[in-house]
């Protein structure tokens, strides 16, 4: 019996681990499902990397004339990273926001998350417009990072094709400042 004891313990541990319940999908306090922005963006990134669409991109800094480029060579992980920062689907994030839902005339649903006054999360505001089919149509968000050395505020917007839910364009308007430097204002716009 002593030589089977380690096998018995391993079997018992495996049996206990297999009884663990899977975690439920993230929901708000009202019991409504939360849109998983990171999953959506990862799927879009893979699709964009495979399709390599032509992108018309404009970048302007500090009041200078925008630099416009048309390219298929885009680092989609880097381009979409700022939008992943706006994902509020983690249950721990829900306590920092109030959620309002509005039914639109075309059957779409607008969901707005506004930070609570006593909270200081990075995402200050997020608005998602989802079509009747649950596909993302539009995202608007305001993000802010602030510490002793650095300040950054960005307003981001993403548009998706209403038929497919695929990204059709986006923009980032921002300002950043280091403690001993001037503010840098920038704007990025892209159309696919």
C-alpha atoms as a PDB file:
ATOM      1  CA  UNK A   1       0.000   0.000   0.000  1.00  0.00           C
ATOM      2  CA  UNK A   2       2.862   2.394   0.780  1.00  0.00           C
ATOM      3  CA  UNK A   3       4.174   2.250  -2.808  1.00  0.00           C
ATOM      4  CA  UNK A   4       0.748   3.322  -4.180  1.00  0.00           C
ATOM      5  CA  UNK A   5       0.353   6.248  -1.786  1.00  0.00           C
ATOM      6  CA  UNK A   6       1.986   8.883  -4.092  1.00  0.00           C
ATOM      7  CA  UNK A   7      -0.228   7.729  -6.992  1.00  0.00           C
ATOM      8  CA  UNK A   8      -3.285   7.951  -4.765  1.00  0.00           C
ATOM      9  CA  UNK A   9      -2.381  11.542  -3.746  1.00  0.00           C
ATOM     10  CA  UNK A  10      -1.805  12.599  -7.370  1.00  0.00           C
ATOM     11  CA  UNK A  11      -5.130  11.059  -8.389  1.00  0.00           C
ATOM     12  CA  UNK A  12      -6.890  12.858  -5.546  1.00  0.00           C
ATOM     13  CA  UNK A  13      -5.341  16.204  -6.553  1.00  0.00           C
ATOM     14  CA  UNK A  14      -6.356  15.700 -10.189  1.00  0.00           C
ATOM     15  CA  UNK A  15      -9.900  14.824  -9.143  1.00  0.00           C
ATOM     16  CA  UNK A  16     -10.147  17.986  -7.006  1.00  0.00           C
ATOM     17  CA  UNK A  17      -8.758  20.158  -9.804  1.00  0.00           C
ATOM     18  CA  UNK A  18     -11.229  18.775 -12.322  1.00  0.00           C
ATOM     19  CA  UNK A  19     -14.135  19.661 -10.011  1.00  0.00           C
ATOM     20  CA  UNK A  20     -13.261  23.364 -10.112  1.00  0.00           C
ATOM     21  CA  UNK A  21     -16.043  25.404 -11.639  1.00  0.00           C
ATOM     22  CA  UNK A  22     -15.226  27.507 -14.698  1.00  0.00           C
ATOM     23  CA  UNK A  23     -15.474  31.230 -14.089  1.00  0.00           C
ATOM     24  CA  UNK A  24     -18.636  32.814 -15.444  1.00  0.00           C
ATOM     25  CA  UNK A  25     -18.427  35.465 -18.174  1.00  0.00           C
ATOM     26  CA  UNK A  26     -17.859  38.969 -16.878  1.00  0.00           C
ATOM     27  CA  UNK A  27     -21.090  40.757 -16.071  1.00  0.00           C
ATOM     28  CA  UNK A  28     -22.040  44.081 -14.597  1.00  0.00           C
ATOM     29  CA  UNK A  29     -24.007  44.489 -11.401  1.00  0.00           C
ATOM     30  CA  UNK A  30     -27.180  44.520 -13.495  1.00  0.00           C
ATOM     31  CA  UNK A  31     -26.310  41.045 -14.797  1.00  0.00           C
ATOM     32  CA  UNK A  32     -25.626  42.198 -18.363  1.00  0.00           C
ATOM     33  CA  UNK A  33     -22.664  40.796 -20.255  1.00  0.00           C
ATOM     34  CA  UNK A  34     -19.635  43.050 -20.740  1.00  0.00           C
ATOM     35  CA  UNK A  35     -18.108  43.524 -24.212  1.00  0.00           C
ATOM     36  CA  UNK A  36     -14.616  41.984 -24.250  1.00  0.00           C
ATOM     37  CA  UNK A  37     -12.666  44.662 -26.091  1.00  0.00           C
ATOM     38  CA  UNK A  38      -9.287  42.926 -25.816  1.00  0.00           C
ATOM     39  CA  UNK A  39     -10.628  39.735 -27.450  1.00  0.00           C
ATOM     40  CA  UNK A  40     -12.213  41.804 -30.221  1.00  0.00           C
ATOM     41  CA  UNK A  41      -8.971  43.728 -30.845  1.00  0.00           C
ATOM     42  CA  UNK A  42      -6.848  40.565 -30.865  1.00  0.00           C
ATOM     43  CA  UNK A  43      -9.149  39.039 -33.485  1.00  0.00           C
ATOM     44  CA  UNK A  44      -9.025  42.230 -35.537  1.00  0.00           C
ATOM     45  CA  UNK A  45      -5.236  42.382 -35.269  1.00  0.00           C
ATOM     46  CA  UNK A  46      -4.914  38.838 -36.623  1.00  0.00           C
ATOM     47  CA  UNK A  47      -7.303  39.642 -39.475  1.00  0.00           C
ATOM     48  CA  UNK A  48      -5.506  42.889 -40.337  1.00  0.00           C
ATOM     49  CA  UNK A  49      -2.087  41.194 -40.244  1.00  0.00           C
ATOM     50  CA  UNK A  50      -3.374  38.535 -42.645  1.00  0.00           C
ATOM     51  CA  UNK A  51      -5.293  40.888 -44.999  1.00  0.00           C
ATOM     52  CA  UNK A  52      -2.729  43.743 -45.004  1.00  0.00           C
ATOM     53  CA  UNK A  53      -5.221  46.449 -46.027  1.00  0.00           C
ATOM     54  CA  UNK A  54      -4.098  49.800 -47.427  1.00  0.00           C
ATOM     55  CA  UNK A  55      -4.156  52.405 -44.633  1.00  0.00           C
ATOM     56  CA  UNK A  56      -4.266  56.170 -45.079  1.00  0.00           C
ATOM     57  CA  UNK A  57      -2.633  57.527 -41.939  1.00  0.00           C
ATOM     58  CA  UNK A  58      -2.152  61.114 -40.820  1.00  0.00           C
ATOM     59  CA  UNK A  59       0.120  62.145 -37.932  1.00  0.00           C
ATOM     60  CA  UNK A  60       0.380  65.729 -36.654  1.00  0.00           C
ATOM     61  CA  UNK A  61       2.307  67.109 -33.687  1.00  0.00           C
ATOM     62  CA  UNK A  62       2.303  70.499 -31.975  1.00  0.00           C
ATOM     63  CA  UNK A  63       0.388  72.410 -34.645  1.00  0.00           C
ATOM     64  CA  UNK A  64       2.619  71.272 -37.516  1.00  0.00           C
ATOM     65  CA  UNK A  65       1.221  70.225 -40.859  1.00  0.00           C
ATOM     66  CA  UNK A  66       0.114  66.594 -40.720  1.00  0.00           C
ATOM     67  CA  UNK A  67       2.330  63.980 -42.298  1.00  0.00           C
ATOM     68  CA  UNK A  68       0.123  61.763 -44.465  1.00  0.00           C
ATOM     69  CA  UNK A  69       1.196  58.329 -45.618  1.00  0.00           C
ATOM     70  CA  UNK A  70      -0.566  55.503 -47.435  1.00  0.00           C
ATOM     71  CA  UNK A  71       0.839  52.113 -46.480  1.00  0.00           C
ATOM     72  CA  UNK A  72       0.104  48.424 -46.006  1.00  0.00           C
ATOM     73  CA  UNK A  73       3.072  48.039 -43.625  1.00  0.00           C
ATOM     74  CA  UNK A  74       1.472  48.671 -40.214  1.00  0.00           C
ATOM     75  CA  UNK A  75       2.448  47.250 -36.823  1.00  0.00           C
ATOM     76  CA  UNK A  76      -1.108  46.408 -35.755  1.00  0.00           C
ATOM     77  CA  UNK A  77      -0.137  45.324 -32.252  1.00  0.00           C
ATOM     78  CA  UNK A  78       1.349  48.765 -31.625  1.00  0.00           C
ATOM     79  CA  UNK A  79      -1.470  50.633 -33.418  1.00  0.00           C
ATOM     80  CA  UNK A  80      -4.265  48.943 -31.452  1.00  0.00           C
ATOM     81  CA  UNK A  81      -2.512  48.894 -28.045  1.00  0.00           C
ATOM     82  CA  UNK A  82      -4.070  52.194 -26.940  1.00  0.00           C
ATOM     83  CA  UNK A  83      -7.548  50.775 -27.556  1.00  0.00           C
ATOM     84  CA  UNK A  84      -6.779  47.676 -25.449  1.00  0.00           C
ATOM     85  CA  UNK A  85      -6.063  50.021 -22.544  1.00  0.00           C
ATOM     86  CA  UNK A  86      -9.763  50.983 -22.618  1.00  0.00           C
ATOM     87  CA  UNK A  87     -10.979  47.412 -21.948  1.00  0.00           C
ATOM     88  CA  UNK A  88     -13.164  47.387 -18.832  1.00  0.00           C
ATOM     89  CA  UNK A  89     -14.309  43.759 -19.042  1.00  0.00           C
ATOM     90  CA  UNK A  90     -12.267  42.620 -16.029  1.00  0.00           C
ATOM     91  CA  UNK A  91     -14.647  42.242 -13.054  1.00  0.00           C
ATOM     92  CA  UNK A  92     -12.243  44.174 -10.801  1.00  0.00           C
ATOM     93  CA  UNK A  93     -12.663  47.248 -13.046  1.00  0.00           C
ATOM     94  CA  UNK A  94     -16.453  47.376 -12.759  1.00  0.00           C
ATOM     95  CA  UNK A  95     -16.431  48.878  -9.251  1.00  0.00           C
ATOM     96  CA  UNK A  96     -14.814  52.092 -10.543  1.00  0.00           C
ATOM     97  CA  UNK A  97     -17.565  52.943 -13.048  1.00  0.00           C
ATOM     98  CA  UNK A  98     -21.216  53.727 -13.422  1.00  0.00           C
ATOM     99  CA  UNK A  99     -22.814  52.074 -16.440  1.00  0.00           C
ATOM    100  CA  UNK A 100     -25.605  53.512 -18.564  1.00  0.00           C
ATOM    101  CA  UNK A 101     -27.236  51.738 -21.468  1.00  0.00           C
ATOM    102  CA  UNK A 102     -29.336  53.381 -24.164  1.00  0.00           C
ATOM    103  CA  UNK A 103     -31.311  51.766 -26.986  1.00  0.00           C
ATOM    104  CA  UNK A 104     -30.773  53.691 -30.252  1.00  0.00           C
ATOM    105  CA  UNK A 105     -33.340  54.149 -33.020  1.00  0.00           C
ATOM    106  CA  UNK A 106     -31.599  51.750 -35.424  1.00  0.00           C
ATOM    107  CA  UNK A 107     -31.664  48.919 -32.858  1.00  0.00           C
ATOM    108  CA  UNK A 108     -28.076  49.485 -31.708  1.00  0.00           C
ATOM    109  CA  UNK A 109     -27.173  49.805 -28.043  1.00  0.00           C
ATOM    110  CA  UNK A 110     -24.919  52.534 -26.645  1.00  0.00           C
ATOM    111  CA  UNK A 111     -23.177  51.582 -23.407  1.00  0.00           C
ATOM    112  CA  UNK A 112     -21.381  54.339 -21.490  1.00  0.00           C
ATOM    113  CA  UNK A 113     -19.012  53.796 -18.566  1.00  0.00           C
ATOM    114  CA  UNK A 114     -18.151  56.880 -16.504  1.00  0.00           C
ATOM    115  CA  UNK A 115     -15.609  56.784 -13.692  1.00  0.00           C
ATOM    116  CA  UNK A 116     -16.945  57.318 -10.202  1.00  0.00           C
ATOM    117  CA  UNK A 117     -15.876  60.570  -8.531  1.00  0.00           C
ATOM    118  CA  UNK A 118     -13.868  58.808  -5.815  1.00  0.00           C
ATOM    119  CA  UNK A 119     -11.999  56.551  -8.294  1.00  0.00           C
ATOM    120  CA  UNK A 120      -8.812  57.293 -10.228  1.00  0.00           C
ATOM    121  CA  UNK A 121      -8.601  54.642 -12.965  1.00  0.00           C
ATOM    122  CA  UNK A 122      -6.766  55.211 -16.239  1.00  0.00           C
ATOM    123  CA  UNK A 123      -9.982  55.100 -18.292  1.00  0.00           C
ATOM    124  CA  UNK A 124     -12.128  58.100 -17.378  1.00  0.00           C
ATOM    125  CA  UNK A 125     -14.890  57.463 -19.910  1.00  0.00           C
ATOM    126  CA  UNK A 126     -15.781  54.702 -22.361  1.00  0.00           C
ATOM    127  CA  UNK A 127     -18.700  54.567 -24.786  1.00  0.00           C
ATOM    128  CA  UNK A 128     -19.368  51.543 -26.955  1.00  0.00           C
ATOM    129  CA  UNK A 129     -21.995  51.342 -29.669  1.00  0.00           C
ATOM    130  CA  UNK A 130     -22.954  47.750 -30.449  1.00  0.00           C
ATOM    131  CA  UNK A 131     -25.187  46.784 -33.368  1.00  0.00           C
ATOM    132  CA  UNK A 132     -28.315  44.647 -32.915  1.00  0.00           C
ATOM    133  CA  UNK A 133     -26.086  41.660 -33.751  1.00  0.00           C
ATOM    134  CA  UNK A 134     -23.693  42.522 -30.871  1.00  0.00           C
ATOM    135  CA  UNK A 135     -20.886  43.658 -33.203  1.00  0.00           C
ATOM    136  CA  UNK A 136     -18.903  46.758 -32.306  1.00  0.00           C
ATOM    137  CA  UNK A 137     -19.754  49.815 -34.392  1.00  0.00           C
ATOM    138  CA  UNK A 138     -18.006  52.592 -32.490  1.00  0.00           C
ATOM    139  CA  UNK A 139     -15.782  53.188 -29.470  1.00  0.00           C
ATOM    140  CA  UNK A 140     -15.040  56.522 -27.790  1.00  0.00           C
ATOM    141  CA  UNK A 141     -12.867  56.812 -24.703  1.00  0.00           C
ATOM    142  CA  UNK A 142     -10.898  59.243 -22.601  1.00  0.00           C
ATOM    143  CA  UNK A 143      -7.743  57.935 -20.903  1.00  0.00           C
ATOM    144  CA  UNK A 144      -5.441  59.689 -18.466  1.00  0.00           C
ATOM    145  CA  UNK A 145      -2.129  58.689 -16.858  1.00  0.00           C
ATOM    146  CA  UNK A 146      -0.677  60.863 -14.141  1.00  0.00           C
ATOM    147  CA  UNK A 147       2.209  60.536 -11.726  1.00  0.00           C
ATOM    148  CA  UNK A 148       4.909  62.791 -10.276  1.00  0.00           C
ATOM    149  CA  UNK A 149       7.033  62.742 -13.450  1.00  0.00           C
ATOM    150  CA  UNK A 150       4.604  62.244 -16.315  1.00  0.00           C
ATOM    151  CA  UNK A 151       1.129  63.311 -17.453  1.00  0.00           C
ATOM    152  CA  UNK A 152      -0.749  61.947 -20.470  1.00  0.00           C
ATOM    153  CA  UNK A 153      -4.322  62.423 -21.657  1.00  0.00           C
ATOM    154  CA  UNK A 154      -5.727  60.754 -24.784  1.00  0.00           C
ATOM    155  CA  UNK A 155      -9.085  60.829 -26.485  1.00  0.00           C
ATOM    156  CA  UNK A 156      -9.513  57.789 -28.687  1.00  0.00           C
ATOM    157  CA  UNK A 157     -12.124  56.841 -31.236  1.00  0.00           C
ATOM    158  CA  UNK A 158     -12.564  53.675 -33.272  1.00  0.00           C
ATOM    159  CA  UNK A 159     -15.097  53.015 -36.043  1.00  0.00           C
ATOM    160  CA  UNK A 160     -16.139  49.621 -37.375  1.00  0.00           C
ATOM    161  CA  UNK A 161     -18.019  48.578 -40.491  1.00  0.00           C
ATOM    162  CA  UNK A 162     -21.654  48.053 -39.368  1.00  0.00           C
ATOM    163  CA  UNK A 163     -22.062  44.975 -41.584  1.00  0.00           C
ATOM    164  CA  UNK A 164     -18.925  43.074 -40.573  1.00  0.00           C
ATOM    165  CA  UNK A 165     -17.800  44.655 -37.307  1.00  0.00           C
ATOM    166  CA  UNK A 166     -14.283  45.050 -38.750  1.00  0.00           C
ATOM    167  CA  UNK A 167     -12.267  48.175 -37.964  1.00  0.00           C
ATOM    168  CA  UNK A 168     -12.698  50.856 -40.634  1.00  0.00           C
ATOM    169  CA  UNK A 169     -10.875  53.781 -38.988  1.00  0.00           C
ATOM    170  CA  UNK A 170      -9.563  55.238 -35.753  1.00  0.00           C
ATOM    171  CA  UNK A 171      -8.101  58.375 -34.221  1.00  0.00           C
ATOM    172  CA  UNK A 172      -6.036  59.318 -31.172  1.00  0.00           C
ATOM    173  CA  UNK A 173      -5.829  62.891 -29.936  1.00  0.00           C
ATOM    174  CA  UNK A 174      -3.424  63.366 -27.064  1.00  0.00           C
ATOM    175  CA  UNK A 175      -1.202  65.517 -24.931  1.00  0.00           C
ATOM    176  CA  UNK A 176       1.724  64.429 -22.815  1.00  0.00           C
ATOM    177  CA  UNK A 177       4.068  66.308 -20.518  1.00  0.00           C
ATOM    178  CA  UNK A 178       7.166  65.437 -18.558  1.00  0.00           C
ATOM    179  CA  UNK A 179       7.778  67.302 -15.290  1.00  0.00           C
ATOM    180  CA  UNK A 180      10.594  69.475 -16.671  1.00  0.00           C
ATOM    181  CA  UNK A 181       9.471  69.649 -20.295  1.00  0.00           C
ATOM    182  CA  UNK A 182       6.918  71.285 -22.518  1.00  0.00           C
ATOM    183  CA  UNK A 183       3.619  69.692 -23.400  1.00  0.00           C
ATOM    184  CA  UNK A 184       3.496  67.708 -26.636  1.00  0.00           C
ATOM    185  CA  UNK A 185       0.181  67.603 -28.458  1.00  0.00           C
ATOM    186  CA  UNK A 186      -0.381  65.043 -31.180  1.00  0.00           C
ATOM    187  CA  UNK A 187      -3.104  63.632 -33.382  1.00  0.00           C
ATOM    188  CA  UNK A 188      -3.198  60.350 -35.302  1.00  0.00           C
ATOM    189  CA  UNK A 189      -5.953  59.475 -37.775  1.00  0.00           C
ATOM    190  CA  UNK A 190      -6.222  56.345 -39.895  1.00  0.00           C
ATOM    191  CA  UNK A 191      -8.721  55.075 -42.453  1.00  0.00           C
ATOM    192  CA  UNK A 192      -8.682  51.553 -43.825  1.00  0.00           C
END
